[in-house]
């Protein structure tokens, strides 16, 4: 990340230091400011996202005990994430439709089980 240093032209007004006062900004500081401004403007959207999207992660980490990955390598970690998400989805489905309904749908084949996800 490149940092730009600008020497203030009116240094006599605010400092008595010989070198003057330097203002340091990141090269892309304007972009960062725009992103921050947009985030503040769309606060309600981010709150809604936090309520919807962040809940699974909040549930998976403490309740399932997954604070780190047990496997190494990108492919292994991807498979581990798939299993964690599958466990979360099964738990959620059981909480929504109940154990008996879940077992009936499971015995009915994967198509009837997958249809349950589309209705909720």
PDB file of N, CA and C in Angstrom:
ATOM      1  N   UNK A   1       0.842  -1.172   0.000  1.00  0.00           N
ATOM      2  CA  UNK A   1       0.000   0.000   0.000  1.00  0.00           C
ATOM      3  C   UNK A   1       0.891   1.240   0.000  1.00  0.00           C
ATOM      4  N   UNK A   2       0.708   2.082  -0.947  1.00  0.00           N
ATOM      5  CA  UNK A   2       1.540   3.270  -1.100  1.00  0.00           C
ATOM      6  C   UNK A   2       0.979   4.397  -0.240  1.00  0.00           C
ATOM      7  N   UNK A   3       1.854   5.097   0.464  1.00  0.00           N
ATOM      8  CA  UNK A   3       1.453   6.225   1.297  1.00  0.00           C
ATOM      9  C   UNK A   3       2.049   7.495   0.716  1.00  0.00           C
ATOM     10  N   UNK A   4       1.213   8.485   0.575  1.00  0.00           N
ATOM     11  CA  UNK A   4       1.669   9.771   0.050  1.00  0.00           C
ATOM     12  C   UNK A   4       1.826  10.752   1.206  1.00  0.00           C
ATOM     13  N   UNK A   5       2.914  11.487   1.232  1.00  0.00           N
ATOM     14  CA  UNK A   5       3.140  12.509   2.246  1.00  0.00           C
ATOM     15  C   UNK A   5       3.125  13.872   1.559  1.00  0.00           C
ATOM     16  N   UNK A   6       2.317  14.779   2.091  1.00  0.00           N
ATOM     17  CA  UNK A   6       2.193  16.111   1.514  1.00  0.00           C
ATOM     18  C   UNK A   6       2.633  17.118   2.571  1.00  0.00           C
ATOM     19  N   UNK A   7       3.522  18.014   2.175  1.00  0.00           N
ATOM     20  CA  UNK A   7       3.969  19.063   3.087  1.00  0.00           C
ATOM     21  C   UNK A   7       2.990  20.231   2.983  1.00  0.00           C
ATOM     22  N   UNK A   8       2.514  20.680   4.111  1.00  0.00           N
ATOM     23  CA  UNK A   8       1.535  21.762   4.156  1.00  0.00           C
ATOM     24  C   UNK A   8       2.201  23.080   3.749  1.00  0.00           C
ATOM     25  N   UNK A   9       1.542  23.803   2.863  1.00  0.00           N
ATOM     26  CA  UNK A   9       2.083  25.074   2.381  1.00  0.00           C
ATOM     27  C   UNK A   9       1.951  26.198   3.419  1.00  0.00           C
ATOM     28  N   UNK A  10       1.028  26.057   4.331  1.00  0.00           N
ATOM     29  CA  UNK A  10       0.792  27.109   5.332  1.00  0.00           C
ATOM     30  C   UNK A  10       1.291  26.669   6.705  1.00  0.00           C
ATOM     31  N   UNK A  11       2.464  26.071   6.723  1.00  0.00           N
ATOM     32  CA  UNK A  11       2.987  25.512   7.963  1.00  0.00           C
ATOM     33  C   UNK A  11       3.211  26.576   9.043  1.00  0.00           C
ATOM     34  N   UNK A  12       3.482  27.795   8.639  1.00  0.00           N
ATOM     35  CA  UNK A  12       3.751  28.852   9.619  1.00  0.00           C
ATOM     36  C   UNK A  12       2.524  29.144  10.477  1.00  0.00           C
ATOM     37  N   UNK A  13       1.326  28.858   9.955  1.00  0.00           N
ATOM     38  CA  UNK A  13       0.097  29.163  10.674  1.00  0.00           C
ATOM     39  C   UNK A  13      -0.210  28.161  11.792  1.00  0.00           C
ATOM     40  N   UNK A  14       0.298  26.956  11.670  1.00  0.00           N
ATOM     41  CA  UNK A  14      -0.111  25.948  12.656  1.00  0.00           C
ATOM     42  C   UNK A  14       1.039  25.273  13.390  1.00  0.00           C
ATOM     43  N   UNK A  15       2.273  25.502  12.983  1.00  0.00           N
ATOM     44  CA  UNK A  15       3.376  24.848  13.680  1.00  0.00           C
ATOM     45  C   UNK A  15       4.642  25.692  13.568  1.00  0.00           C
ATOM     46  N   UNK A  16       5.497  25.511  14.562  1.00  0.00           N
ATOM     47  CA  UNK A  16       6.775  26.214  14.527  1.00  0.00           C
ATOM     48  C   UNK A  16       7.913  25.254  14.181  1.00  0.00           C
ATOM     49  N   UNK A  17       7.575  24.017  13.869  1.00  0.00           N
ATOM     50  CA  UNK A  17       8.596  23.020  13.522  1.00  0.00           C
ATOM     51  C   UNK A  17       9.270  23.395  12.204  1.00  0.00           C
ATOM     52  N   UNK A  18      10.564  23.183  12.134  1.00  0.00           N
ATOM     53  CA  UNK A  18      11.316  23.551  10.943  1.00  0.00           C
ATOM     54  C   UNK A  18      10.872  22.758   9.718  1.00  0.00           C
ATOM     55  N   UNK A  19      10.578  21.473   9.919  1.00  0.00           N
ATOM     56  CA  UNK A  19      10.177  20.625   8.806  1.00  0.00           C
ATOM     57  C   UNK A  19       8.716  20.817   8.422  1.00  0.00           C
ATOM     58  N   UNK A  20       7.973  21.549   9.230  1.00  0.00           N
ATOM     59  CA  UNK A  20       6.559  21.748   8.962  1.00  0.00           C
ATOM     60  C   UNK A  20       5.730  20.543   9.393  1.00  0.00           C
ATOM     61  N   UNK A  21       4.481  20.595   9.094  1.00  0.00           N
ATOM     62  CA  UNK A  21       3.566  19.512   9.440  1.00  0.00           C
ATOM     63  C   UNK A  21       3.274  18.723   8.166  1.00  0.00           C
ATOM     64  N   UNK A  22       3.345  17.423   8.248  1.00  0.00           N
ATOM     65  CA  UNK A  22       3.096  16.577   7.085  1.00  0.00           C
ATOM     66  C   UNK A  22       1.744  15.883   7.239  1.00  0.00           C
ATOM     67  N   UNK A  23       1.005  15.850   6.173  1.00  0.00           N
ATOM     68  CA  UNK A  23      -0.261  15.141   6.133  1.00  0.00           C
ATOM     69  C   UNK A  23      -0.025  13.850   5.367  1.00  0.00           C
ATOM     70  N   UNK A  24      -0.336  12.733   5.991  1.00  0.00           N
ATOM     71  CA  UNK A  24      -0.102  11.437   5.371  1.00  0.00           C
ATOM     72  C   UNK A  24      -1.432  10.802   5.003  1.00  0.00           C
ATOM     73  N   UNK A  25      -1.546  10.375   3.751  1.00  0.00           N
ATOM     74  CA  UNK A  25      -2.769   9.723   3.262  1.00  0.00           C
ATOM     75  C   UNK A  25      -2.379   8.499   2.437  1.00  0.00           C
ATOM     76  N   UNK A  26      -3.247   7.512   2.449  1.00  0.00           N
ATOM     77  CA  UNK A  26      -3.051   6.373   1.567  1.00  0.00           C
ATOM     78  C   UNK A  26      -3.293   6.814   0.128  1.00  0.00           C
ATOM     79  N   UNK A  27      -2.715   6.095  -0.789  1.00  0.00           N
ATOM     80  CA  UNK A  27      -2.846   6.428  -2.201  1.00  0.00           C
ATOM     81  C   UNK A  27      -4.323   6.427  -2.628  1.00  0.00           C
ATOM     82  N   UNK A  28      -5.091   5.479  -2.129  1.00  0.00           N
ATOM     83  CA  UNK A  28      -6.503   5.340  -2.499  1.00  0.00           C
ATOM     84  C   UNK A  28      -7.442   5.819  -1.387  1.00  0.00           C
ATOM     85  N   UNK A  29      -7.027   6.810  -0.645  1.00  0.00           N
ATOM     86  CA  UNK A  29      -7.815   7.312   0.487  1.00  0.00           C
ATOM     87  C   UNK A  29      -9.192   7.798   0.050  1.00  0.00           C
ATOM     88  N   UNK A  30      -9.300   8.395  -1.126  1.00  0.00           N
ATOM     89  CA  UNK A  30     -10.590   8.896  -1.608  1.00  0.00           C
ATOM     90  C   UNK A  30     -11.581   7.751  -1.800  1.00  0.00           C
ATOM     91  N   UNK A  31     -11.088   6.631  -2.306  1.00  0.00           N
ATOM     92  CA  UNK A  31     -11.960   5.467  -2.494  1.00  0.00           C
ATOM     93  C   UNK A  31     -12.424   4.936  -1.144  1.00  0.00           C
ATOM     94  N   UNK A  32     -11.531   4.875  -0.188  1.00  0.00           N
ATOM     95  CA  UNK A  32     -11.887   4.414   1.156  1.00  0.00           C
ATOM     96  C   UNK A  32     -12.938   5.335   1.767  1.00  0.00           C
ATOM     97  N   UNK A  33     -12.795   6.637   1.575  1.00  0.00           N
ATOM     98  CA  UNK A  33     -13.775   7.593   2.098  1.00  0.00           C
ATOM     99  C   UNK A  33     -15.139   7.400   1.439  1.00  0.00           C
ATOM    100  N   UNK A  34     -15.169   7.132   0.118  1.00  0.00           N
ATOM    101  CA  UNK A  34     -16.437   6.890  -0.577  1.00  0.00           C
ATOM    102  C   UNK A  34     -17.119   5.625  -0.062  1.00  0.00           C
ATOM    103  N   UNK A  35     -16.337   4.570   0.161  1.00  0.00           N
ATOM    104  CA  UNK A  35     -16.898   3.318   0.683  1.00  0.00           C
ATOM    105  C   UNK A  35     -17.472   3.548   2.080  1.00  0.00           C
ATOM    106  N   UNK A  36     -16.765   4.277   2.901  1.00  0.00           N
ATOM    107  CA  UNK A  36     -17.245   4.585   4.245  1.00  0.00           C
ATOM    108  C   UNK A  36     -18.526   5.402   4.190  1.00  0.00           C
ATOM    109  N   UNK A  37     -18.571   6.371   3.312  1.00  0.00           N
ATOM    110  CA  UNK A  37     -19.763   7.212   3.150  1.00  0.00           C
ATOM    111  C   UNK A  37     -20.962   6.376   2.685  1.00  0.00           C
ATOM    112  N   UNK A  38     -20.748   5.497   1.703  1.00  0.00           N
ATOM    113  CA  UNK A  38     -21.821   4.627   1.225  1.00  0.00           C
ATOM    114  C   UNK A  38     -22.295   3.678   2.313  1.00  0.00           C
ATOM    115  N   UNK A  39     -21.379   3.188   3.123  1.00  0.00           N
ATOM    116  CA  UNK A  39     -21.742   2.297   4.226  1.00  0.00           C
ATOM    117  C   UNK A  39     -22.631   3.017   5.228  1.00  0.00           C
ATOM    118  N   UNK A  40     -22.306   4.254   5.533  1.00  0.00           N
ATOM    119  CA  UNK A  40     -23.114   5.039   6.474  1.00  0.00           C
ATOM    120  C   UNK A  40     -24.488   5.324   5.886  1.00  0.00           C
ATOM    121  N   UNK A  41     -24.542   5.644   4.578  1.00  0.00           N
ATOM    122  CA  UNK A  41     -25.821   5.927   3.927  1.00  0.00           C
ATOM    123  C   UNK A  41     -26.737   4.706   3.916  1.00  0.00           C
ATOM    124  N   UNK A  42     -26.156   3.527   3.748  1.00  0.00           N
ATOM    125  CA  UNK A  42     -26.943   2.297   3.611  1.00  0.00           C
ATOM    126  C   UNK A  42     -26.899   1.460   4.889  1.00  0.00           C
ATOM    127  N   UNK A  43     -26.947   2.128   6.026  1.00  0.00           N
ATOM    128  CA  UNK A  43     -26.838   1.441   7.314  1.00  0.00           C
ATOM    129  C   UNK A  43     -27.937   0.399   7.504  1.00  0.00           C
ATOM    130  N   UNK A  44     -29.160   0.719   7.068  1.00  0.00           N
ATOM    131  CA  UNK A  44     -30.269  -0.224   7.248  1.00  0.00           C
ATOM    132  C   UNK A  44     -30.045  -1.501   6.432  1.00  0.00           C
ATOM    133  N   UNK A  45     -29.465  -1.371   5.247  1.00  0.00           N
ATOM    134  CA  UNK A  45     -29.180  -2.539   4.411  1.00  0.00           C
ATOM    135  C   UNK A  45     -28.150  -3.429   5.095  1.00  0.00           C
ATOM    136  N   UNK A  46     -27.113  -2.821   5.680  1.00  0.00           N
ATOM    137  CA  UNK A  46     -26.086  -3.597   6.351  1.00  0.00           C
ATOM    138  C   UNK A  46     -26.622  -4.258   7.617  1.00  0.00           C
ATOM    139  N   UNK A  47     -27.538  -3.596   8.323  1.00  0.00           N
ATOM    140  CA  UNK A  47     -28.142  -4.211   9.503  1.00  0.00           C
ATOM    141  C   UNK A  47     -28.981  -5.416   9.108  1.00  0.00           C
ATOM    142  N   UNK A  48     -29.730  -5.287   8.004  1.00  0.00           N
ATOM    143  CA  UNK A  48     -30.545  -6.402   7.517  1.00  0.00           C
ATOM    144  C   UNK A  48     -29.647  -7.562   7.098  1.00  0.00           C
ATOM    145  N   UNK A  49     -28.567  -7.257   6.409  1.00  0.00           N
ATOM    146  CA  UNK A  49     -27.618  -8.287   6.005  1.00  0.00           C
ATOM    147  C   UNK A  49     -27.046  -8.997   7.219  1.00  0.00           C
ATOM    148  N   UNK A  50     -26.699  -8.214   8.226  1.00  0.00           N
ATOM    149  CA  UNK A  50     -26.154  -8.805   9.438  1.00  0.00           C
ATOM    150  C   UNK A  50     -27.136  -9.737  10.117  1.00  0.00           C
ATOM    151  N   UNK A  51     -28.421  -9.386  10.066  1.00  0.00           N
ATOM    152  CA  UNK A  51     -29.441 -10.221  10.695  1.00  0.00           C
ATOM    153  C   UNK A  51     -29.664 -11.509   9.912  1.00  0.00           C
ATOM    154  N   UNK A  52     -29.537 -11.454   8.602  1.00  0.00           N
ATOM    155  CA  UNK A  52     -29.827 -12.625   7.758  1.00  0.00           C
ATOM    156  C   UNK A  52     -28.581 -13.486   7.538  1.00  0.00           C
ATOM    157  N   UNK A  53     -27.518 -12.872   7.086  1.00  0.00           N
ATOM    158  CA  UNK A  53     -26.352 -13.621   6.629  1.00  0.00           C
ATOM    159  C   UNK A  53     -25.430 -14.034   7.768  1.00  0.00           C
ATOM    160  N   UNK A  54     -25.282 -13.210   8.755  1.00  0.00           N
ATOM    161  CA  UNK A  54     -24.317 -13.496   9.803  1.00  0.00           C
ATOM    162  C   UNK A  54     -24.811 -14.550  10.791  1.00  0.00           C
ATOM    163  N   UNK A  55     -26.112 -14.802  10.845  1.00  0.00           N
ATOM    164  CA  UNK A  55     -26.650 -15.753  11.810  1.00  0.00           C
ATOM    165  C   UNK A  55     -26.064 -17.155  11.674  1.00  0.00           C
ATOM    166  N   UNK A  56     -25.959 -17.705  10.452  1.00  0.00           N
ATOM    167  CA  UNK A  56     -25.365 -19.043  10.357  1.00  0.00           C
ATOM    168  C   UNK A  56     -23.951 -19.125  10.933  1.00  0.00           C
ATOM    169  N   UNK A  57     -23.140 -18.106  10.679  1.00  0.00           N
ATOM    170  CA  UNK A  57     -21.777 -18.127  11.199  1.00  0.00           C
ATOM    171  C   UNK A  57     -21.768 -18.017  12.714  1.00  0.00           C
ATOM    172  N   UNK A  58     -22.686 -17.219  13.242  1.00  0.00           N
ATOM    173  CA  UNK A  58     -22.803 -17.073  14.691  1.00  0.00           C
ATOM    174  C   UNK A  58     -23.223 -18.389  15.323  1.00  0.00           C
ATOM    175  N   UNK A  59     -24.042 -19.157  14.626  1.00  0.00           N
ATOM    176  CA  UNK A  59     -24.502 -20.444  15.136  1.00  0.00           C
ATOM    177  C   UNK A  59     -23.426 -21.506  14.983  1.00  0.00           C
ATOM    178  N   UNK A  60     -22.779 -21.541  13.838  1.00  0.00           N
ATOM    179  CA  UNK A  60     -21.804 -22.591  13.547  1.00  0.00           C
ATOM    180  C   UNK A  60     -20.602 -22.521  14.488  1.00  0.00           C
ATOM    181  N   UNK A  61     -20.076 -21.345  14.693  1.00  0.00           N
ATOM    182  CA  UNK A  61     -18.834 -21.242  15.463  1.00  0.00           C
ATOM    183  C   UNK A  61     -18.984 -21.700  16.910  1.00  0.00           C
ATOM    184  N   UNK A  62     -19.856 -21.081  17.721  1.00  0.00           N
ATOM    185  CA  UNK A  62     -19.890 -21.505  19.124  1.00  0.00           C
ATOM    186  C   UNK A  62     -20.668 -22.801  19.378  1.00  0.00           C
ATOM    187  N   UNK A  63     -21.790 -23.004  18.666  1.00  0.00           N
ATOM    188  CA  UNK A  63     -22.644 -24.148  18.958  1.00  0.00           C
ATOM    189  C   UNK A  63     -22.104 -25.447  18.383  1.00  0.00           C
ATOM    190  N   UNK A  64     -21.477 -25.377  17.233  1.00  0.00           N
ATOM    191  CA  UNK A  64     -20.903 -26.575  16.632  1.00  0.00           C
ATOM    192  C   UNK A  64     -19.441 -26.750  17.033  1.00  0.00           C
ATOM    193  N   UNK A  65     -18.843 -25.739  17.615  1.00  0.00           N
ATOM    194  CA  UNK A  65     -17.464 -25.826  18.067  1.00  0.00           C
ATOM    195  C   UNK A  65     -16.429 -25.671  16.966  1.00  0.00           C
ATOM    196  N   UNK A  66     -16.797 -25.046  15.856  1.00  0.00           N
ATOM    197  CA  UNK A  66     -15.855 -24.870  14.754  1.00  0.00           C
ATOM    198  C   UNK A  66     -15.227 -23.481  14.840  1.00  0.00           C
ATOM    199  N   UNK A  67     -14.104 -23.404  15.503  1.00  0.00           N
ATOM    200  CA  UNK A  67     -13.398 -22.130  15.585  1.00  0.00           C
ATOM    201  C   UNK A  67     -12.165 -22.130  14.675  1.00  0.00           C
ATOM    202  N   UNK A  68     -11.813 -23.312  14.173  1.00  0.00           N
ATOM    203  CA  UNK A  68     -10.707 -23.420  13.225  1.00  0.00           C
ATOM    204  C   UNK A  68     -10.928 -24.688  12.394  1.00  0.00           C
ATOM    205  N   UNK A  69     -10.244 -24.789  11.275  1.00  0.00           N
ATOM    206  CA  UNK A  69     -10.402 -25.942  10.405  1.00  0.00           C
ATOM    207  C   UNK A  69      -9.486 -27.069  10.859  1.00  0.00           C
ATOM    208  N   UNK A  70      -9.982 -28.285  10.762  1.00  0.00           N
ATOM    209  CA  UNK A  70      -9.220 -29.449  11.191  1.00  0.00           C
ATOM    210  C   UNK A  70      -8.323 -29.995  10.084  1.00  0.00           C
ATOM    211  N   UNK A  71      -8.625 -29.644   8.843  1.00  0.00           N
ATOM    212  CA  UNK A  71      -7.861 -30.149   7.713  1.00  0.00           C
ATOM    213  C   UNK A  71      -6.913 -29.083   7.184  1.00  0.00           C
ATOM    214  N   UNK A  72      -6.032 -29.494   6.300  1.00  0.00           N
ATOM    215  CA  UNK A  72      -5.081 -28.568   5.673  1.00  0.00           C
ATOM    216  C   UNK A  72      -5.231 -28.655   4.165  1.00  0.00           C
ATOM    217  N   UNK A  73      -4.988 -27.562   3.502  1.00  0.00           N
ATOM    218  CA  UNK A  73      -5.092 -27.521   2.046  1.00  0.00           C
ATOM    219  C   UNK A  73      -6.458 -26.998   1.629  1.00  0.00           C
ATOM    220  N   UNK A  74      -6.473 -26.259   0.541  1.00  0.00           N
ATOM    221  CA  UNK A  74      -7.694 -25.591   0.084  1.00  0.00           C
ATOM    222  C   UNK A  74      -8.814 -26.580  -0.224  1.00  0.00           C
ATOM    223  N   UNK A  75      -8.506 -27.651  -0.908  1.00  0.00           N
ATOM    224  CA  UNK A  75      -9.541 -28.628  -1.270  1.00  0.00           C
ATOM    225  C   UNK A  75     -10.144 -29.279  -0.024  1.00  0.00           C
ATOM    226  N   UNK A  76      -9.302 -29.656   0.918  1.00  0.00           N
ATOM    227  CA  UNK A  76      -9.789 -30.280   2.148  1.00  0.00           C
ATOM    228  C   UNK A  76     -10.629 -29.319   2.975  1.00  0.00           C
ATOM    229  N   UNK A  77     -10.194 -28.081   3.057  1.00  0.00           N
ATOM    230  CA  UNK A  77     -10.940 -27.076   3.821  1.00  0.00           C
ATOM    231  C   UNK A  77     -12.291 -26.802   3.152  1.00  0.00           C
ATOM    232  N   UNK A  78     -12.318 -26.737   1.815  1.00  0.00           N
ATOM    233  CA  UNK A  78     -13.590 -26.547   1.102  1.00  0.00           C
ATOM    234  C   UNK A  78     -14.565 -27.672   1.402  1.00  0.00           C
ATOM    235  N   UNK A  79     -14.082 -28.909   1.422  1.00  0.00           N
ATOM    236  CA  UNK A  79     -14.945 -30.049   1.732  1.00  0.00           C
ATOM    237  C   UNK A  79     -15.425 -29.967   3.174  1.00  0.00           C
ATOM    238  N   UNK A  80     -14.544 -29.557   4.083  1.00  0.00           N
ATOM    239  CA  UNK A  80     -14.929 -29.408   5.489  1.00  0.00           C
ATOM    240  C   UNK A  80     -16.022 -28.349   5.640  1.00  0.00           C
ATOM    241  N   UNK A  81     -15.897 -27.252   4.917  1.00  0.00           N
ATOM    242  CA  UNK A  81     -16.917 -26.200   4.962  1.00  0.00           C
ATOM    243  C   UNK A  81     -18.251 -26.731   4.435  1.00  0.00           C
ATOM    244  N   UNK A  82     -18.201 -27.531   3.366  1.00  0.00           N
ATOM    245  CA  UNK A  82     -19.432 -28.112   2.819  1.00  0.00           C
ATOM    246  C   UNK A  82     -20.120 -28.978   3.868  1.00  0.00           C
ATOM    247  N   UNK A  83     -19.364 -29.800   4.586  1.00  0.00           N
ATOM    248  CA  UNK A  83     -19.957 -30.645   5.622  1.00  0.00           C
ATOM    249  C   UNK A  83     -20.519 -29.817   6.779  1.00  0.00           C
ATOM    250  N   UNK A  84     -19.813 -28.763   7.157  1.00  0.00           N
ATOM    251  CA  UNK A  84     -20.298 -27.892   8.239  1.00  0.00           C
ATOM    252  C   UNK A  84     -21.617 -27.237   7.825  1.00  0.00           C
ATOM    253  N   UNK A  85     -21.681 -26.742   6.579  1.00  0.00           N
ATOM    254  CA  UNK A  85     -22.910 -26.110   6.081  1.00  0.00           C
ATOM    255  C   UNK A  85     -24.040 -27.127   5.967  1.00  0.00           C
ATOM    256  N   UNK A  86     -23.727 -28.338   5.557  1.00  0.00           N
ATOM    257  CA  UNK A  86     -24.734 -29.391   5.476  1.00  0.00           C
ATOM    258  C   UNK A  86     -25.300 -29.698   6.858  1.00  0.00           C
ATOM    259  N   UNK A  87     -24.430 -29.805   7.847  1.00  0.00           N
ATOM    260  CA  UNK A  87     -24.882 -30.043   9.223  1.00  0.00           C
ATOM    261  C   UNK A  87     -25.764 -28.895   9.712  1.00  0.00           C
ATOM    262  N   UNK A  88     -25.363 -27.663   9.419  1.00  0.00           N
ATOM    263  CA  UNK A  88     -26.167 -26.504   9.812  1.00  0.00           C
ATOM    264  C   UNK A  88     -27.538 -26.540   9.148  1.00  0.00           C
ATOM    265  N   UNK A  89     -27.572 -26.844   7.845  1.00  0.00           N
ATOM    266  CA  UNK A  89     -28.847 -26.882   7.125  1.00  0.00           C
ATOM    267  C   UNK A  89     -29.755 -28.000   7.634  1.00  0.00           C
ATOM    268  N   UNK A  90     -29.174 -29.165   7.949  1.00  0.00           N
ATOM    269  CA  UNK A  90     -29.983 -30.242   8.525  1.00  0.00           C
ATOM    270  C   UNK A  90     -30.550 -29.823   9.882  1.00  0.00           C
ATOM    271  N   UNK A  91     -29.726 -29.205  10.695  1.00  0.00           N
ATOM    272  CA  UNK A  91     -30.186 -28.758  12.016  1.00  0.00           C
ATOM    273  C   UNK A  91     -31.312 -27.732  11.868  1.00  0.00           C
ATOM    274  N   UNK A  92     -31.153 -26.820  10.944  1.00  0.00           N
ATOM    275  CA  UNK A  92     -32.171 -25.794  10.709  1.00  0.00           C
ATOM    276  C   UNK A  92     -33.469 -26.419  10.197  1.00  0.00           C
ATOM    277  N   UNK A  93     -33.343 -27.352   9.272  1.00  0.00           N
ATOM    278  CA  UNK A  93     -34.511 -28.023   8.720  1.00  0.00           C
ATOM    279  C   UNK A  93     -35.252 -28.809   9.801  1.00  0.00           C
ATOM    280  N   UNK A  94     -34.513 -29.492  10.660  1.00  0.00           N
ATOM    281  CA  UNK A  94     -35.137 -30.240  11.764  1.00  0.00           C
ATOM    282  C   UNK A  94     -35.855 -29.282  12.709  1.00  0.00           C
ATOM    283  N   UNK A  95     -35.259 -28.130  12.985  1.00  0.00           N
ATOM    284  CA  UNK A  95     -35.913 -27.152  13.858  1.00  0.00           C
ATOM    285  C   UNK A  95     -37.185 -26.584  13.242  1.00  0.00           C
ATOM    286  N   UNK A  96     -37.222 -26.494  11.912  1.00  0.00           N
ATOM    287  CA  UNK A  96     -38.382 -25.918  11.235  1.00  0.00           C
ATOM    288  C   UNK A  96     -39.506 -26.933  11.074  1.00  0.00           C
ATOM    289  N   UNK A  97     -39.183 -28.134  10.558  1.00  0.00           N
ATOM    290  CA  UNK A  97     -40.255 -29.093  10.254  1.00  0.00           C
ATOM    291  C   UNK A  97     -40.401 -30.187  11.301  1.00  0.00           C
ATOM    292  N   UNK A  98     -39.439 -30.365  12.174  1.00  0.00           N
ATOM    293  CA  UNK A  98     -39.509 -31.393  13.202  1.00  0.00           C
ATOM    294  C   UNK A  98     -38.799 -32.667  12.780  1.00  0.00           C
ATOM    295  N   UNK A  99     -38.487 -33.483  13.780  1.00  0.00           N
ATOM    296  CA  UNK A  99     -37.719 -34.697  13.539  1.00  0.00           C
ATOM    297  C   UNK A  99     -38.519 -35.711  12.725  1.00  0.00           C
ATOM    298  N   UNK A 100     -39.799 -35.927  13.102  1.00  0.00           N
ATOM    299  CA  UNK A 100     -40.605 -36.935  12.407  1.00  0.00           C
ATOM    300  C   UNK A 100     -40.767 -36.591  10.929  1.00  0.00           C
ATOM    301  N   UNK A 101     -41.096 -35.349  10.640  1.00  0.00           N
ATOM    302  CA  UNK A 101     -41.249 -34.914   9.247  1.00  0.00           C
ATOM    303  C   UNK A 101     -39.928 -35.047   8.493  1.00  0.00           C
ATOM    304  N   UNK A 102     -38.826 -34.707   9.160  1.00  0.00           N
ATOM    305  CA  UNK A 102     -37.504 -34.815   8.538  1.00  0.00           C
ATOM    306  C   UNK A 102     -37.204 -36.259   8.163  1.00  0.00           C
ATOM    307  N   UNK A 103     -37.479 -37.192   9.062  1.00  0.00           N
ATOM    308  CA  UNK A 103     -37.226 -38.612   8.803  1.00  0.00           C
ATOM    309  C   UNK A 103     -38.100 -39.112   7.663  1.00  0.00           C
ATOM    310  N   UNK A 104     -39.367 -38.695   7.639  1.00  0.00           N
ATOM    311  CA  UNK A 104     -40.257 -39.104   6.547  1.00  0.00           C
ATOM    312  C   UNK A 104     -39.736 -38.602   5.204  1.00  0.00           C
ATOM    313  N   UNK A 105     -39.331 -37.350   5.162  1.00  0.00           N
ATOM    314  CA  UNK A 105     -38.812 -36.790   3.918  1.00  0.00           C
ATOM    315  C   UNK A 105     -37.491 -37.452   3.528  1.00  0.00           C
ATOM    316  N   UNK A 106     -36.668 -37.773   4.524  1.00  0.00           N
ATOM    317  CA  UNK A 106     -35.390 -38.421   4.267  1.00  0.00           C
ATOM    318  C   UNK A 106     -35.601 -39.816   3.682  1.00  0.00           C
ATOM    319  N   UNK A 107     -36.574 -40.545   4.206  1.00  0.00           N
ATOM    320  CA  UNK A 107     -36.898 -41.877   3.687  1.00  0.00           C
ATOM    321  C   UNK A 107     -37.514 -41.788   2.292  1.00  0.00           C
ATOM    322  N   UNK A 108     -38.174 -40.664   2.001  1.00  0.00           N
ATOM    323  CA  UNK A 108     -38.807 -40.486   0.699  1.00  0.00           C
ATOM    324  C   UNK A 108     -37.819 -40.194  -0.409  1.00  0.00           C
ATOM    325  N   UNK A 109     -36.579 -40.045  -0.116  1.00  0.00           N
ATOM    326  CA  UNK A 109     -35.568 -39.767  -1.134  1.00  0.00           C
ATOM    327  C   UNK A 109     -35.074 -38.339  -1.052  1.00  0.00           C
ATOM    328  N   UNK A 110     -33.976 -38.077  -1.734  1.00  0.00           N
ATOM    329  CA  UNK A 110     -33.358 -36.757  -1.639  1.00  0.00           C
ATOM    330  C   UNK A 110     -34.205 -35.675  -2.299  1.00  0.00           C
ATOM    331  N   UNK A 111     -35.020 -36.032  -3.306  1.00  0.00           N
ATOM    332  CA  UNK A 111     -35.832 -35.017  -3.990  1.00  0.00           C
ATOM    333  C   UNK A 111     -36.856 -34.420  -3.039  1.00  0.00           C
ATOM    334  N   UNK A 112     -37.532 -35.247  -2.245  1.00  0.00           N
ATOM    335  CA  UNK A 112     -38.532 -34.709  -1.320  1.00  0.00           C
ATOM    336  C   UNK A 112     -37.866 -33.910  -0.210  1.00  0.00           C
ATOM    337  N   UNK A 113     -36.668 -34.311   0.187  1.00  0.00           N
ATOM    338  CA  UNK A 113     -35.940 -33.570   1.215  1.00  0.00           C
ATOM    339  C   UNK A 113     -35.505 -32.210   0.691  1.00  0.00           C
ATOM    340  N   UNK A 114     -35.008 -32.179  -0.544  1.00  0.00           N
ATOM    341  CA  UNK A 114     -34.578 -30.909  -1.132  1.00  0.00           C
ATOM    342  C   UNK A 114     -35.752 -29.966  -1.353  1.00  0.00           C
ATOM    343  N   UNK A 115     -36.925 -30.496  -1.669  1.00  0.00           N
ATOM    344  CA  UNK A 115     -38.109 -29.655  -1.831  1.00  0.00           C
ATOM    345  C   UNK A 115     -38.464 -28.929  -0.552  1.00  0.00           C
ATOM    346  N   UNK A 116     -38.130 -29.498   0.586  1.00  0.00           N
ATOM    347  CA  UNK A 116     -38.410 -28.847   1.869  1.00  0.00           C
ATOM    348  C   UNK A 116     -37.659 -27.532   1.989  1.00  0.00           C
ATOM    349  N   UNK A 117     -36.449 -27.472   1.424  1.00  0.00           N
ATOM    350  CA  UNK A 117     -35.655 -26.249   1.488  1.00  0.00           C
ATOM    351  C   UNK A 117     -36.313 -25.132   0.671  1.00  0.00           C
ATOM    352  N   UNK A 118     -36.945 -25.473  -0.422  1.00  0.00           N
ATOM    353  CA  UNK A 118     -37.524 -24.460  -1.300  1.00  0.00           C
ATOM    354  C   UNK A 118     -38.770 -23.827  -0.699  1.00  0.00           C
ATOM    355  N   UNK A 119     -39.444 -24.520   0.191  1.00  0.00           N
ATOM    356  CA  UNK A 119     -40.673 -23.990   0.764  1.00  0.00           C
ATOM    357  C   UNK A 119     -40.400 -23.036   1.912  1.00  0.00           C
ATOM    358  N   UNK A 120     -39.197 -23.066   2.454  1.00  0.00           N
ATOM    359  CA  UNK A 120     -38.914 -22.226   3.607  1.00  0.00           C
ATOM    360  C   UNK A 120     -38.056 -21.085   3.209  1.00  0.00           C
TER     361      UNK A 120
END
